PDBML (XML) file of the C-alpha atoms, coordinates in Angstrom:
<?xml version="1.0" encoding="UTF-8" ?>
<PDBx:datablock datablockName="MODEL"
   xmlns:PDBx="http://pdbml.pdb.org/schema/pdbx-v50.xsd"
   xmlns:xsi="http://www.w3.org/2001/XMLSchema-instance"
   xsi:schemaLocation="http://pdbml.pdb.org/schema/pdbx-v50.xsd pdbx-v50.xsd">
   <PDBx:atom_siteCategory>
      <PDBx:atom_site id="1">
         <PDBx:B_iso_or_equiv>0.00</PDBx:B_iso_or_equiv>
         <PDBx:Cartn_x>107.674</PDBx:Cartn_x>
         <PDBx:Cartn_y>100.749</PDBx:Cartn_y>
         <PDBx:Cartn_z>106.015</PDBx:Cartn_z>
         <PDBx:auth_asym_id>A</PDBx:auth_asym_id>
         <PDBx:auth_atom_id>CA</PDBx:auth_atom_id>
         <PDBx:auth_comp_id>ILE</PDBx:auth_comp_id>
         <PDBx:auth_seq_id>1</PDBx:auth_seq_id>
         <PDBx:group_PDB>ATOM</PDBx:group_PDB>
         <PDBx:label_alt_id xsi:nil="true" />
         <PDBx:label_asym_id>A</PDBx:label_asym_id>
         <PDBx:label_atom_id>CA</PDBx:label_atom_id>
         <PDBx:label_comp_id>ILE</PDBx:label_comp_id>
         <PDBx:label_entity_id>1</PDBx:label_entity_id>
         <PDBx:label_seq_id>1</PDBx:label_seq_id>
         <PDBx:occupancy>1.00</PDBx:occupancy>
         <PDBx:pdbx_PDB_model_num>1</PDBx:pdbx_PDB_model_num>
         <PDBx:type_symbol>C</PDBx:type_symbol>
      </PDBx:atom_site>
      <PDBx:atom_site id="2">
         <PDBx:B_iso_or_equiv>0.00</PDBx:B_iso_or_equiv>
         <PDBx:Cartn_x>107.739</PDBx:Cartn_x>
         <PDBx:Cartn_y>103.994</PDBx:Cartn_y>
         <PDBx:Cartn_z>104.023</PDBx:Cartn_z>
         <PDBx:auth_asym_id>A</PDBx:auth_asym_id>
         <PDBx:auth_atom_id>CA</PDBx:auth_atom_id>
         <PDBx:auth_comp_id>LYS</PDBx:auth_comp_id>
         <PDBx:auth_seq_id>2</PDBx:auth_seq_id>
         <PDBx:group_PDB>ATOM</PDBx:group_PDB>
         <PDBx:label_alt_id xsi:nil="true" />
         <PDBx:label_asym_id>A</PDBx:label_asym_id>
         <PDBx:label_atom_id>CA</PDBx:label_atom_id>
         <PDBx:label_comp_id>LYS</PDBx:label_comp_id>
         <PDBx:label_entity_id>1</PDBx:label_entity_id>
         <PDBx:label_seq_id>2</PDBx:label_seq_id>
         <PDBx:occupancy>1.00</PDBx:occupancy>
         <PDBx:pdbx_PDB_model_num>1</PDBx:pdbx_PDB_model_num>
         <PDBx:type_symbol>C</PDBx:type_symbol>
      </PDBx:atom_site>
      <PDBx:atom_site id="3">
         <PDBx:B_iso_or_equiv>0.00</PDBx:B_iso_or_equiv>
         <PDBx:Cartn_x>104.348</PDBx:Cartn_x>
         <PDBx:Cartn_y>103.453</PDBx:Cartn_y>
         <PDBx:Cartn_z>102.391</PDBx:Cartn_z>
         <PDBx:auth_asym_id>A</PDBx:auth_asym_id>
         <PDBx:auth_atom_id>CA</PDBx:auth_atom_id>
         <PDBx:auth_comp_id>ALA</PDBx:auth_comp_id>
         <PDBx:auth_seq_id>3</PDBx:auth_seq_id>
         <PDBx:group_PDB>ATOM</PDBx:group_PDB>
         <PDBx:label_alt_id xsi:nil="true" />
         <PDBx:label_asym_id>A</PDBx:label_asym_id>
         <PDBx:label_atom_id>CA</PDBx:label_atom_id>
         <PDBx:label_comp_id>ALA</PDBx:label_comp_id>
         <PDBx:label_entity_id>1</PDBx:label_entity_id>
         <PDBx:label_seq_id>3</PDBx:label_seq_id>
         <PDBx:occupancy>1.00</PDBx:occupancy>
         <PDBx:pdbx_PDB_model_num>1</PDBx:pdbx_PDB_model_num>
         <PDBx:type_symbol>C</PDBx:type_symbol>
      </PDBx:atom_site>
      <PDBx:atom_site id="4">
         <PDBx:B_iso_or_equiv>0.00</PDBx:B_iso_or_equiv>
         <PDBx:Cartn_x>102.612</PDBx:Cartn_x>
         <PDBx:Cartn_y>102.106</PDBx:Cartn_y>
         <PDBx:Cartn_z>105.504</PDBx:Cartn_z>
         <PDBx:auth_asym_id>A</PDBx:auth_asym_id>
         <PDBx:auth_atom_id>CA</PDBx:auth_atom_id>
         <PDBx:auth_comp_id>TYR</PDBx:auth_comp_id>
         <PDBx:auth_seq_id>4</PDBx:auth_seq_id>
         <PDBx:group_PDB>ATOM</PDBx:group_PDB>
         <PDBx:label_alt_id xsi:nil="true" />
         <PDBx:label_asym_id>A</PDBx:label_asym_id>
         <PDBx:label_atom_id>CA</PDBx:label_atom_id>
         <PDBx:label_comp_id>TYR</PDBx:label_comp_id>
         <PDBx:label_entity_id>1</PDBx:label_entity_id>
         <PDBx:label_seq_id>4</PDBx:label_seq_id>
         <PDBx:occupancy>1.00</PDBx:occupancy>
         <PDBx:pdbx_PDB_model_num>1</PDBx:pdbx_PDB_model_num>
         <PDBx:type_symbol>C</PDBx:type_symbol>
      </PDBx:atom_site>
      <PDBx:atom_site id="5">
         <PDBx:B_iso_or_equiv>0.00</PDBx:B_iso_or_equiv>
         <PDBx:Cartn_x>104.336</PDBx:Cartn_x>
         <PDBx:Cartn_y>103.523</PDBx:Cartn_y>
         <PDBx:Cartn_z>108.607</PDBx:Cartn_z>
         <PDBx:auth_asym_id>A</PDBx:auth_asym_id>
         <PDBx:auth_atom_id>CA</PDBx:auth_atom_id>
         <PDBx:auth_comp_id>PRO</PDBx:auth_comp_id>
         <PDBx:auth_seq_id>5</PDBx:auth_seq_id>
         <PDBx:group_PDB>ATOM</PDBx:group_PDB>
         <PDBx:label_alt_id xsi:nil="true" />
         <PDBx:label_asym_id>A</PDBx:label_asym_id>
         <PDBx:label_atom_id>CA</PDBx:label_atom_id>
         <PDBx:label_comp_id>PRO</PDBx:label_comp_id>
         <PDBx:label_entity_id>1</PDBx:label_entity_id>
         <PDBx:label_seq_id>5</PDBx:label_seq_id>
         <PDBx:occupancy>1.00</PDBx:occupancy>
         <PDBx:pdbx_PDB_model_num>1</PDBx:pdbx_PDB_model_num>
         <PDBx:type_symbol>C</PDBx:type_symbol>
      </PDBx:atom_site>
      <PDBx:atom_site id="6">
         <PDBx:B_iso_or_equiv>0.00</PDBx:B_iso_or_equiv>
         <PDBx:Cartn_x>101.537</PDBx:Cartn_x>
         <PDBx:Cartn_y>102.349</PDBx:Cartn_y>
         <PDBx:Cartn_z>110.899</PDBx:Cartn_z>
         <PDBx:auth_asym_id>A</PDBx:auth_asym_id>
         <PDBx:auth_atom_id>CA</PDBx:auth_atom_id>
         <PDBx:auth_comp_id>ASN</PDBx:auth_comp_id>
         <PDBx:auth_seq_id>6</PDBx:auth_seq_id>
         <PDBx:group_PDB>ATOM</PDBx:group_PDB>
         <PDBx:label_alt_id xsi:nil="true" />
         <PDBx:label_asym_id>A</PDBx:label_asym_id>
         <PDBx:label_atom_id>CA</PDBx:label_atom_id>
         <PDBx:label_comp_id>ASN</PDBx:label_comp_id>
         <PDBx:label_entity_id>1</PDBx:label_entity_id>
         <PDBx:label_seq_id>6</PDBx:label_seq_id>
         <PDBx:occupancy>1.00</PDBx:occupancy>
         <PDBx:pdbx_PDB_model_num>1</PDBx:pdbx_PDB_model_num>
         <PDBx:type_symbol>C</PDBx:type_symbol>
      </PDBx:atom_site>
      <PDBx:atom_site id="7">
         <PDBx:B_iso_or_equiv>0.00</PDBx:B_iso_or_equiv>
         <PDBx:Cartn_x>102.377</PDBx:Cartn_x>
         <PDBx:Cartn_y>98.703</PDBx:Cartn_y>
         <PDBx:Cartn_z>111.767</PDBx:Cartn_z>
         <PDBx:auth_asym_id>A</PDBx:auth_asym_id>
         <PDBx:auth_atom_id>CA</PDBx:auth_atom_id>
         <PDBx:auth_comp_id>PRO</PDBx:auth_comp_id>
         <PDBx:auth_seq_id>7</PDBx:auth_seq_id>
         <PDBx:group_PDB>ATOM</PDBx:group_PDB>
         <PDBx:label_alt_id xsi:nil="true" />
         <PDBx:label_asym_id>A</PDBx:label_asym_id>
         <PDBx:label_atom_id>CA</PDBx:label_atom_id>
         <PDBx:label_comp_id>PRO</PDBx:label_comp_id>
         <PDBx:label_entity_id>1</PDBx:label_entity_id>
         <PDBx:label_seq_id>7</PDBx:label_seq_id>
         <PDBx:occupancy>1.00</PDBx:occupancy>
         <PDBx:pdbx_PDB_model_num>1</PDBx:pdbx_PDB_model_num>
         <PDBx:type_symbol>C</PDBx:type_symbol>
      </PDBx:atom_site>
      <PDBx:atom_site id="8">
         <PDBx:B_iso_or_equiv>0.00</PDBx:B_iso_or_equiv>
         <PDBx:Cartn_x>98.740</PDBx:Cartn_x>
         <PDBx:Cartn_y>97.672</PDBx:Cartn_y>
         <PDBx:Cartn_z>112.227</PDBx:Cartn_z>
         <PDBx:auth_asym_id>A</PDBx:auth_asym_id>
         <PDBx:auth_atom_id>CA</PDBx:auth_atom_id>
         <PDBx:auth_comp_id>ASP</PDBx:auth_comp_id>
         <PDBx:auth_seq_id>8</PDBx:auth_seq_id>
         <PDBx:group_PDB>ATOM</PDBx:group_PDB>
         <PDBx:label_alt_id xsi:nil="true" />
         <PDBx:label_asym_id>A</PDBx:label_asym_id>
         <PDBx:label_atom_id>CA</PDBx:label_atom_id>
         <PDBx:label_comp_id>ASP</PDBx:label_comp_id>
         <PDBx:label_entity_id>1</PDBx:label_entity_id>
         <PDBx:label_seq_id>8</PDBx:label_seq_id>
         <PDBx:occupancy>1.00</PDBx:occupancy>
         <PDBx:pdbx_PDB_model_num>1</PDBx:pdbx_PDB_model_num>
         <PDBx:type_symbol>C</PDBx:type_symbol>
      </PDBx:atom_site>
      <PDBx:atom_site id="9">
         <PDBx:B_iso_or_equiv>0.00</PDBx:B_iso_or_equiv>
         <PDBx:Cartn_x>97.663</PDBx:Cartn_x>
         <PDBx:Cartn_y>99.161</PDBx:Cartn_y>
         <PDBx:Cartn_z>108.912</PDBx:Cartn_z>
         <PDBx:auth_asym_id>A</PDBx:auth_asym_id>
         <PDBx:auth_atom_id>CA</PDBx:auth_atom_id>
         <PDBx:auth_comp_id>TYR</PDBx:auth_comp_id>
         <PDBx:auth_seq_id>9</PDBx:auth_seq_id>
         <PDBx:group_PDB>ATOM</PDBx:group_PDB>
         <PDBx:label_alt_id xsi:nil="true" />
         <PDBx:label_asym_id>A</PDBx:label_asym_id>
         <PDBx:label_atom_id>CA</PDBx:label_atom_id>
         <PDBx:label_comp_id>TYR</PDBx:label_comp_id>
         <PDBx:label_entity_id>1</PDBx:label_entity_id>
         <PDBx:label_seq_id>9</PDBx:label_seq_id>
         <PDBx:occupancy>1.00</PDBx:occupancy>
         <PDBx:pdbx_PDB_model_num>1</PDBx:pdbx_PDB_model_num>
         <PDBx:type_symbol>C</PDBx:type_symbol>
      </PDBx:atom_site>
      <PDBx:atom_site id="10">
         <PDBx:B_iso_or_equiv>0.00</PDBx:B_iso_or_equiv>
         <PDBx:Cartn_x>100.732</PDBx:Cartn_x>
         <PDBx:Cartn_y>97.681</PDBx:Cartn_y>
         <PDBx:Cartn_z>107.198</PDBx:Cartn_z>
         <PDBx:auth_asym_id>A</PDBx:auth_asym_id>
         <PDBx:auth_atom_id>CA</PDBx:auth_atom_id>
         <PDBx:auth_comp_id>ARG</PDBx:auth_comp_id>
         <PDBx:auth_seq_id>10</PDBx:auth_seq_id>
         <PDBx:group_PDB>ATOM</PDBx:group_PDB>
         <PDBx:label_alt_id xsi:nil="true" />
         <PDBx:label_asym_id>A</PDBx:label_asym_id>
         <PDBx:label_atom_id>CA</PDBx:label_atom_id>
         <PDBx:label_comp_id>ARG</PDBx:label_comp_id>
         <PDBx:label_entity_id>1</PDBx:label_entity_id>
         <PDBx:label_seq_id>10</PDBx:label_seq_id>
         <PDBx:occupancy>1.00</PDBx:occupancy>
         <PDBx:pdbx_PDB_model_num>1</PDBx:pdbx_PDB_model_num>
         <PDBx:type_symbol>C</PDBx:type_symbol>
      </PDBx:atom_site>
      <PDBx:atom_site id="11">
         <PDBx:B_iso_or_equiv>0.00</PDBx:B_iso_or_equiv>
         <PDBx:Cartn_x>99.800</PDBx:Cartn_x>
         <PDBx:Cartn_y>94.217</PDBx:Cartn_y>
         <PDBx:Cartn_z>108.475</PDBx:Cartn_z>
         <PDBx:auth_asym_id>A</PDBx:auth_asym_id>
         <PDBx:auth_atom_id>CA</PDBx:auth_atom_id>
         <PDBx:auth_comp_id>GLU</PDBx:auth_comp_id>
         <PDBx:auth_seq_id>11</PDBx:auth_seq_id>
         <PDBx:group_PDB>ATOM</PDBx:group_PDB>
         <PDBx:label_alt_id xsi:nil="true" />
         <PDBx:label_asym_id>A</PDBx:label_asym_id>
         <PDBx:label_atom_id>CA</PDBx:label_atom_id>
         <PDBx:label_comp_id>GLU</PDBx:label_comp_id>
         <PDBx:label_entity_id>1</PDBx:label_entity_id>
         <PDBx:label_seq_id>11</PDBx:label_seq_id>
         <PDBx:occupancy>1.00</PDBx:occupancy>
         <PDBx:pdbx_PDB_model_num>1</PDBx:pdbx_PDB_model_num>
         <PDBx:type_symbol>C</PDBx:type_symbol>
      </PDBx:atom_site>
      <PDBx:atom_site id="12">
         <PDBx:B_iso_or_equiv>0.00</PDBx:B_iso_or_equiv>
         <PDBx:Cartn_x>96.235</PDBx:Cartn_x>
         <PDBx:Cartn_y>94.679</PDBx:Cartn_y>
         <PDBx:Cartn_z>107.281</PDBx:Cartn_z>
         <PDBx:auth_asym_id>A</PDBx:auth_asym_id>
         <PDBx:auth_atom_id>CA</PDBx:auth_atom_id>
         <PDBx:auth_comp_id>LYS</PDBx:auth_comp_id>
         <PDBx:auth_seq_id>12</PDBx:auth_seq_id>
         <PDBx:group_PDB>ATOM</PDBx:group_PDB>
         <PDBx:label_alt_id xsi:nil="true" />
         <PDBx:label_asym_id>A</PDBx:label_asym_id>
         <PDBx:label_atom_id>CA</PDBx:label_atom_id>
         <PDBx:label_comp_id>LYS</PDBx:label_comp_id>
         <PDBx:label_entity_id>1</PDBx:label_entity_id>
         <PDBx:label_seq_id>12</PDBx:label_seq_id>
         <PDBx:occupancy>1.00</PDBx:occupancy>
         <PDBx:pdbx_PDB_model_num>1</PDBx:pdbx_PDB_model_num>
         <PDBx:type_symbol>C</PDBx:type_symbol>
      </PDBx:atom_site>
      <PDBx:atom_site id="13">
         <PDBx:B_iso_or_equiv>0.00</PDBx:B_iso_or_equiv>
         <PDBx:Cartn_x>97.429</PDBx:Cartn_x>
         <PDBx:Cartn_y>95.746</PDBx:Cartn_y>
         <PDBx:Cartn_z>103.819</PDBx:Cartn_z>
         <PDBx:auth_asym_id>A</PDBx:auth_asym_id>
         <PDBx:auth_atom_id>CA</PDBx:auth_atom_id>
         <PDBx:auth_comp_id>VAL</PDBx:auth_comp_id>
         <PDBx:auth_seq_id>13</PDBx:auth_seq_id>
         <PDBx:group_PDB>ATOM</PDBx:group_PDB>
         <PDBx:label_alt_id xsi:nil="true" />
         <PDBx:label_asym_id>A</PDBx:label_asym_id>
         <PDBx:label_atom_id>CA</PDBx:label_atom_id>
         <PDBx:label_comp_id>VAL</PDBx:label_comp_id>
         <PDBx:label_entity_id>1</PDBx:label_entity_id>
         <PDBx:label_seq_id>13</PDBx:label_seq_id>
         <PDBx:occupancy>1.00</PDBx:occupancy>
         <PDBx:pdbx_PDB_model_num>1</PDBx:pdbx_PDB_model_num>
         <PDBx:type_symbol>C</PDBx:type_symbol>
      </PDBx:atom_site>
      <PDBx:atom_site id="14">
         <PDBx:B_iso_or_equiv>0.00</PDBx:B_iso_or_equiv>
         <PDBx:Cartn_x>99.692</PDBx:Cartn_x>
         <PDBx:Cartn_y>92.710</PDBx:Cartn_y>
         <PDBx:Cartn_z>103.576</PDBx:Cartn_z>
         <PDBx:auth_asym_id>A</PDBx:auth_asym_id>
         <PDBx:auth_atom_id>CA</PDBx:auth_atom_id>
         <PDBx:auth_comp_id>MET</PDBx:auth_comp_id>
         <PDBx:auth_seq_id>14</PDBx:auth_seq_id>
         <PDBx:group_PDB>ATOM</PDBx:group_PDB>
         <PDBx:label_alt_id xsi:nil="true" />
         <PDBx:label_asym_id>A</PDBx:label_asym_id>
         <PDBx:label_atom_id>CA</PDBx:label_atom_id>
         <PDBx:label_comp_id>MET</PDBx:label_comp_id>
         <PDBx:label_entity_id>1</PDBx:label_entity_id>
         <PDBx:label_seq_id>14</PDBx:label_seq_id>
         <PDBx:occupancy>1.00</PDBx:occupancy>
         <PDBx:pdbx_PDB_model_num>1</PDBx:pdbx_PDB_model_num>
         <PDBx:type_symbol>C</PDBx:type_symbol>
      </PDBx:atom_site>
      <PDBx:atom_site id="15">
         <PDBx:B_iso_or_equiv>0.00</PDBx:B_iso_or_equiv>
         <PDBx:Cartn_x>96.831</PDBx:Cartn_x>
         <PDBx:Cartn_y>90.410</PDBx:Cartn_y>
         <PDBx:Cartn_z>104.545</PDBx:Cartn_z>
         <PDBx:auth_asym_id>A</PDBx:auth_asym_id>
         <PDBx:auth_atom_id>CA</PDBx:auth_atom_id>
         <PDBx:auth_comp_id>GLU</PDBx:auth_comp_id>
         <PDBx:auth_seq_id>15</PDBx:auth_seq_id>
         <PDBx:group_PDB>ATOM</PDBx:group_PDB>
         <PDBx:label_alt_id xsi:nil="true" />
         <PDBx:label_asym_id>A</PDBx:label_asym_id>
         <PDBx:label_atom_id>CA</PDBx:label_atom_id>
         <PDBx:label_comp_id>GLU</PDBx:label_comp_id>
         <PDBx:label_entity_id>1</PDBx:label_entity_id>
         <PDBx:label_seq_id>15</PDBx:label_seq_id>
         <PDBx:occupancy>1.00</PDBx:occupancy>
         <PDBx:pdbx_PDB_model_num>1</PDBx:pdbx_PDB_model_num>
         <PDBx:type_symbol>C</PDBx:type_symbol>
      </PDBx:atom_site>
      <PDBx:atom_site id="16">
         <PDBx:B_iso_or_equiv>0.00</PDBx:B_iso_or_equiv>
         <PDBx:Cartn_x>94.645</PDBx:Cartn_x>
         <PDBx:Cartn_y>92.015</PDBx:Cartn_y>
         <PDBx:Cartn_z>101.880</PDBx:Cartn_z>
         <PDBx:auth_asym_id>A</PDBx:auth_asym_id>
         <PDBx:auth_atom_id>CA</PDBx:auth_atom_id>
         <PDBx:auth_comp_id>ASN</PDBx:auth_comp_id>
         <PDBx:auth_seq_id>16</PDBx:auth_seq_id>
         <PDBx:group_PDB>ATOM</PDBx:group_PDB>
         <PDBx:label_alt_id xsi:nil="true" />
         <PDBx:label_asym_id>A</PDBx:label_asym_id>
         <PDBx:label_atom_id>CA</PDBx:label_atom_id>
         <PDBx:label_comp_id>ASN</PDBx:label_comp_id>
         <PDBx:label_entity_id>1</PDBx:label_entity_id>
         <PDBx:label_seq_id>16</PDBx:label_seq_id>
         <PDBx:occupancy>1.00</PDBx:occupancy>
         <PDBx:pdbx_PDB_model_num>1</PDBx:pdbx_PDB_model_num>
         <PDBx:type_symbol>C</PDBx:type_symbol>
      </PDBx:atom_site>
      <PDBx:atom_site id="17">
         <PDBx:B_iso_or_equiv>0.00</PDBx:B_iso_or_equiv>
         <PDBx:Cartn_x>97.450</PDBx:Cartn_x>
         <PDBx:Cartn_y>91.587</PDBx:Cartn_y>
         <PDBx:Cartn_z>99.322</PDBx:Cartn_z>
         <PDBx:auth_asym_id>A</PDBx:auth_asym_id>
         <PDBx:auth_atom_id>CA</PDBx:auth_atom_id>
         <PDBx:auth_comp_id>TRP</PDBx:auth_comp_id>
         <PDBx:auth_seq_id>17</PDBx:auth_seq_id>
         <PDBx:group_PDB>ATOM</PDBx:group_PDB>
         <PDBx:label_alt_id xsi:nil="true" />
         <PDBx:label_asym_id>A</PDBx:label_asym_id>
         <PDBx:label_atom_id>CA</PDBx:label_atom_id>
         <PDBx:label_comp_id>TRP</PDBx:label_comp_id>
         <PDBx:label_entity_id>1</PDBx:label_entity_id>
         <PDBx:label_seq_id>17</PDBx:label_seq_id>
         <PDBx:occupancy>1.00</PDBx:occupancy>
         <PDBx:pdbx_PDB_model_num>1</PDBx:pdbx_PDB_model_num>
         <PDBx:type_symbol>C</PDBx:type_symbol>
      </PDBx:atom_site>
      <PDBx:atom_site id="18">
         <PDBx:B_iso_or_equiv>0.00</PDBx:B_iso_or_equiv>
         <PDBx:Cartn_x>97.706</PDBx:Cartn_x>
         <PDBx:Cartn_y>87.885</PDBx:Cartn_y>
         <PDBx:Cartn_z>100.175</PDBx:Cartn_z>
         <PDBx:auth_asym_id>A</PDBx:auth_asym_id>
         <PDBx:auth_atom_id>CA</PDBx:auth_atom_id>
         <PDBx:auth_comp_id>ASP</PDBx:auth_comp_id>
         <PDBx:auth_seq_id>18</PDBx:auth_seq_id>
         <PDBx:group_PDB>ATOM</PDBx:group_PDB>
         <PDBx:label_alt_id xsi:nil="true" />
         <PDBx:label_asym_id>A</PDBx:label_asym_id>
         <PDBx:label_atom_id>CA</PDBx:label_atom_id>
         <PDBx:label_comp_id>ASP</PDBx:label_comp_id>
         <PDBx:label_entity_id>1</PDBx:label_entity_id>
         <PDBx:label_seq_id>18</PDBx:label_seq_id>
         <PDBx:occupancy>1.00</PDBx:occupancy>
         <PDBx:pdbx_PDB_model_num>1</PDBx:pdbx_PDB_model_num>
         <PDBx:type_symbol>C</PDBx:type_symbol>
      </PDBx:atom_site>
      <PDBx:atom_site id="19">
         <PDBx:B_iso_or_equiv>0.00</PDBx:B_iso_or_equiv>
         <PDBx:Cartn_x>93.944</PDBx:Cartn_x>
         <PDBx:Cartn_y>87.523</PDBx:Cartn_y>
         <PDBx:Cartn_z>99.683</PDBx:Cartn_z>
         <PDBx:auth_asym_id>A</PDBx:auth_asym_id>
         <PDBx:auth_atom_id>CA</PDBx:auth_atom_id>
         <PDBx:auth_comp_id>ASP</PDBx:auth_comp_id>
         <PDBx:auth_seq_id>19</PDBx:auth_seq_id>
         <PDBx:group_PDB>ATOM</PDBx:group_PDB>
         <PDBx:label_alt_id xsi:nil="true" />
         <PDBx:label_asym_id>A</PDBx:label_asym_id>
         <PDBx:label_atom_id>CA</PDBx:label_atom_id>
         <PDBx:label_comp_id>ASP</PDBx:label_comp_id>
         <PDBx:label_entity_id>1</PDBx:label_entity_id>
         <PDBx:label_seq_id>19</PDBx:label_seq_id>
         <PDBx:occupancy>1.00</PDBx:occupancy>
         <PDBx:pdbx_PDB_model_num>1</PDBx:pdbx_PDB_model_num>
         <PDBx:type_symbol>C</PDBx:type_symbol>
      </PDBx:atom_site>
      <PDBx:atom_site id="20">
         <PDBx:B_iso_or_equiv>0.00</PDBx:B_iso_or_equiv>
         <PDBx:Cartn_x>94.076</PDBx:Cartn_x>
         <PDBx:Cartn_y>89.415</PDBx:Cartn_y>
         <PDBx:Cartn_z>96.367</PDBx:Cartn_z>
         <PDBx:auth_asym_id>A</PDBx:auth_asym_id>
         <PDBx:auth_atom_id>CA</PDBx:auth_atom_id>
         <PDBx:auth_comp_id>ALA</PDBx:auth_comp_id>
         <PDBx:auth_seq_id>20</PDBx:auth_seq_id>
         <PDBx:group_PDB>ATOM</PDBx:group_PDB>
         <PDBx:label_alt_id xsi:nil="true" />
         <PDBx:label_asym_id>A</PDBx:label_asym_id>
         <PDBx:label_atom_id>CA</PDBx:label_atom_id>
         <PDBx:label_comp_id>ALA</PDBx:label_comp_id>
         <PDBx:label_entity_id>1</PDBx:label_entity_id>
         <PDBx:label_seq_id>20</PDBx:label_seq_id>
         <PDBx:occupancy>1.00</PDBx:occupancy>
         <PDBx:pdbx_PDB_model_num>1</PDBx:pdbx_PDB_model_num>
         <PDBx:type_symbol>C</PDBx:type_symbol>
      </PDBx:atom_site>
      <PDBx:atom_site id="21">
         <PDBx:B_iso_or_equiv>0.00</PDBx:B_iso_or_equiv>
         <PDBx:Cartn_x>96.993</PDBx:Cartn_x>
         <PDBx:Cartn_y>87.294</PDBx:Cartn_y>
         <PDBx:Cartn_z>95.144</PDBx:Cartn_z>
         <PDBx:auth_asym_id>A</PDBx:auth_asym_id>
         <PDBx:auth_atom_id>CA</PDBx:auth_atom_id>
         <PDBx:auth_comp_id>ALA</PDBx:auth_comp_id>
         <PDBx:auth_seq_id>21</PDBx:auth_seq_id>
         <PDBx:group_PDB>ATOM</PDBx:group_PDB>
         <PDBx:label_alt_id xsi:nil="true" />
         <PDBx:label_asym_id>A</PDBx:label_asym_id>
         <PDBx:label_atom_id>CA</PDBx:label_atom_id>
         <PDBx:label_comp_id>ALA</PDBx:label_comp_id>
         <PDBx:label_entity_id>1</PDBx:label_entity_id>
         <PDBx:label_seq_id>21</PDBx:label_seq_id>
         <PDBx:occupancy>1.00</PDBx:occupancy>
         <PDBx:pdbx_PDB_model_num>1</PDBx:pdbx_PDB_model_num>
         <PDBx:type_symbol>C</PDBx:type_symbol>
      </PDBx:atom_site>
      <PDBx:atom_site id="22">
         <PDBx:B_iso_or_equiv>0.00</PDBx:B_iso_or_equiv>
         <PDBx:Cartn_x>95.191</PDBx:Cartn_x>
         <PDBx:Cartn_y>84.087</PDBx:Cartn_y>
         <PDBx:Cartn_z>96.128</PDBx:Cartn_z>
         <PDBx:auth_asym_id>A</PDBx:auth_asym_id>
         <PDBx:auth_atom_id>CA</PDBx:auth_atom_id>
         <PDBx:auth_comp_id>ALA</PDBx:auth_comp_id>
         <PDBx:auth_seq_id>22</PDBx:auth_seq_id>
         <PDBx:group_PDB>ATOM</PDBx:group_PDB>
         <PDBx:label_alt_id xsi:nil="true" />
         <PDBx:label_asym_id>A</PDBx:label_asym_id>
         <PDBx:label_atom_id>CA</PDBx:label_atom_id>
         <PDBx:label_comp_id>ALA</PDBx:label_comp_id>
         <PDBx:label_entity_id>1</PDBx:label_entity_id>
         <PDBx:label_seq_id>22</PDBx:label_seq_id>
         <PDBx:occupancy>1.00</PDBx:occupancy>
         <PDBx:pdbx_PDB_model_num>1</PDBx:pdbx_PDB_model_num>
         <PDBx:type_symbol>C</PDBx:type_symbol>
      </PDBx:atom_site>
      <PDBx:atom_site id="23">
         <PDBx:B_iso_or_equiv>0.00</PDBx:B_iso_or_equiv>
         <PDBx:Cartn_x>92.059</PDBx:Cartn_x>
         <PDBx:Cartn_y>85.190</PDBx:Cartn_y>
         <PDBx:Cartn_z>94.295</PDBx:Cartn_z>
         <PDBx:auth_asym_id>A</PDBx:auth_asym_id>
         <PDBx:auth_atom_id>CA</PDBx:auth_atom_id>
         <PDBx:auth_comp_id>ALA</PDBx:auth_comp_id>
         <PDBx:auth_seq_id>23</PDBx:auth_seq_id>
         <PDBx:group_PDB>ATOM</PDBx:group_PDB>
         <PDBx:label_alt_id xsi:nil="true" />
         <PDBx:label_asym_id>A</PDBx:label_asym_id>
         <PDBx:label_atom_id>CA</PDBx:label_atom_id>
         <PDBx:label_comp_id>ALA</PDBx:label_comp_id>
         <PDBx:label_entity_id>1</PDBx:label_entity_id>
         <PDBx:label_seq_id>23</PDBx:label_seq_id>
         <PDBx:occupancy>1.00</PDBx:occupancy>
         <PDBx:pdbx_PDB_model_num>1</PDBx:pdbx_PDB_model_num>
         <PDBx:type_symbol>C</PDBx:type_symbol>
      </PDBx:atom_site>
      <PDBx:atom_site id="24">
         <PDBx:B_iso_or_equiv>0.00</PDBx:B_iso_or_equiv>
         <PDBx:Cartn_x>94.127</PDBx:Cartn_x>
         <PDBx:Cartn_y>86.062</PDBx:Cartn_y>
         <PDBx:Cartn_z>91.206</PDBx:Cartn_z>
         <PDBx:auth_asym_id>A</PDBx:auth_asym_id>
         <PDBx:auth_atom_id>CA</PDBx:auth_atom_id>
         <PDBx:auth_comp_id>ALA</PDBx:auth_comp_id>
         <PDBx:auth_seq_id>24</PDBx:auth_seq_id>
         <PDBx:group_PDB>ATOM</PDBx:group_PDB>
         <PDBx:label_alt_id xsi:nil="true" />
         <PDBx:label_asym_id>A</PDBx:label_asym_id>
         <PDBx:label_atom_id>CA</PDBx:label_atom_id>
         <PDBx:label_comp_id>ALA</PDBx:label_comp_id>
         <PDBx:label_entity_id>1</PDBx:label_entity_id>
         <PDBx:label_seq_id>24</PDBx:label_seq_id>
         <PDBx:occupancy>1.00</PDBx:occupancy>
         <PDBx:pdbx_PDB_model_num>1</PDBx:pdbx_PDB_model_num>
         <PDBx:type_symbol>C</PDBx:type_symbol>
      </PDBx:atom_site>
   </PDBx:atom_siteCategory>
</PDBx:datablock>
């Protein structure tokens, strides 16, 4: 919440993290 106060951007970041973790 602190790092990504915009909910839409936060959700996008989390989706990208899931993709990066899956690729790793």
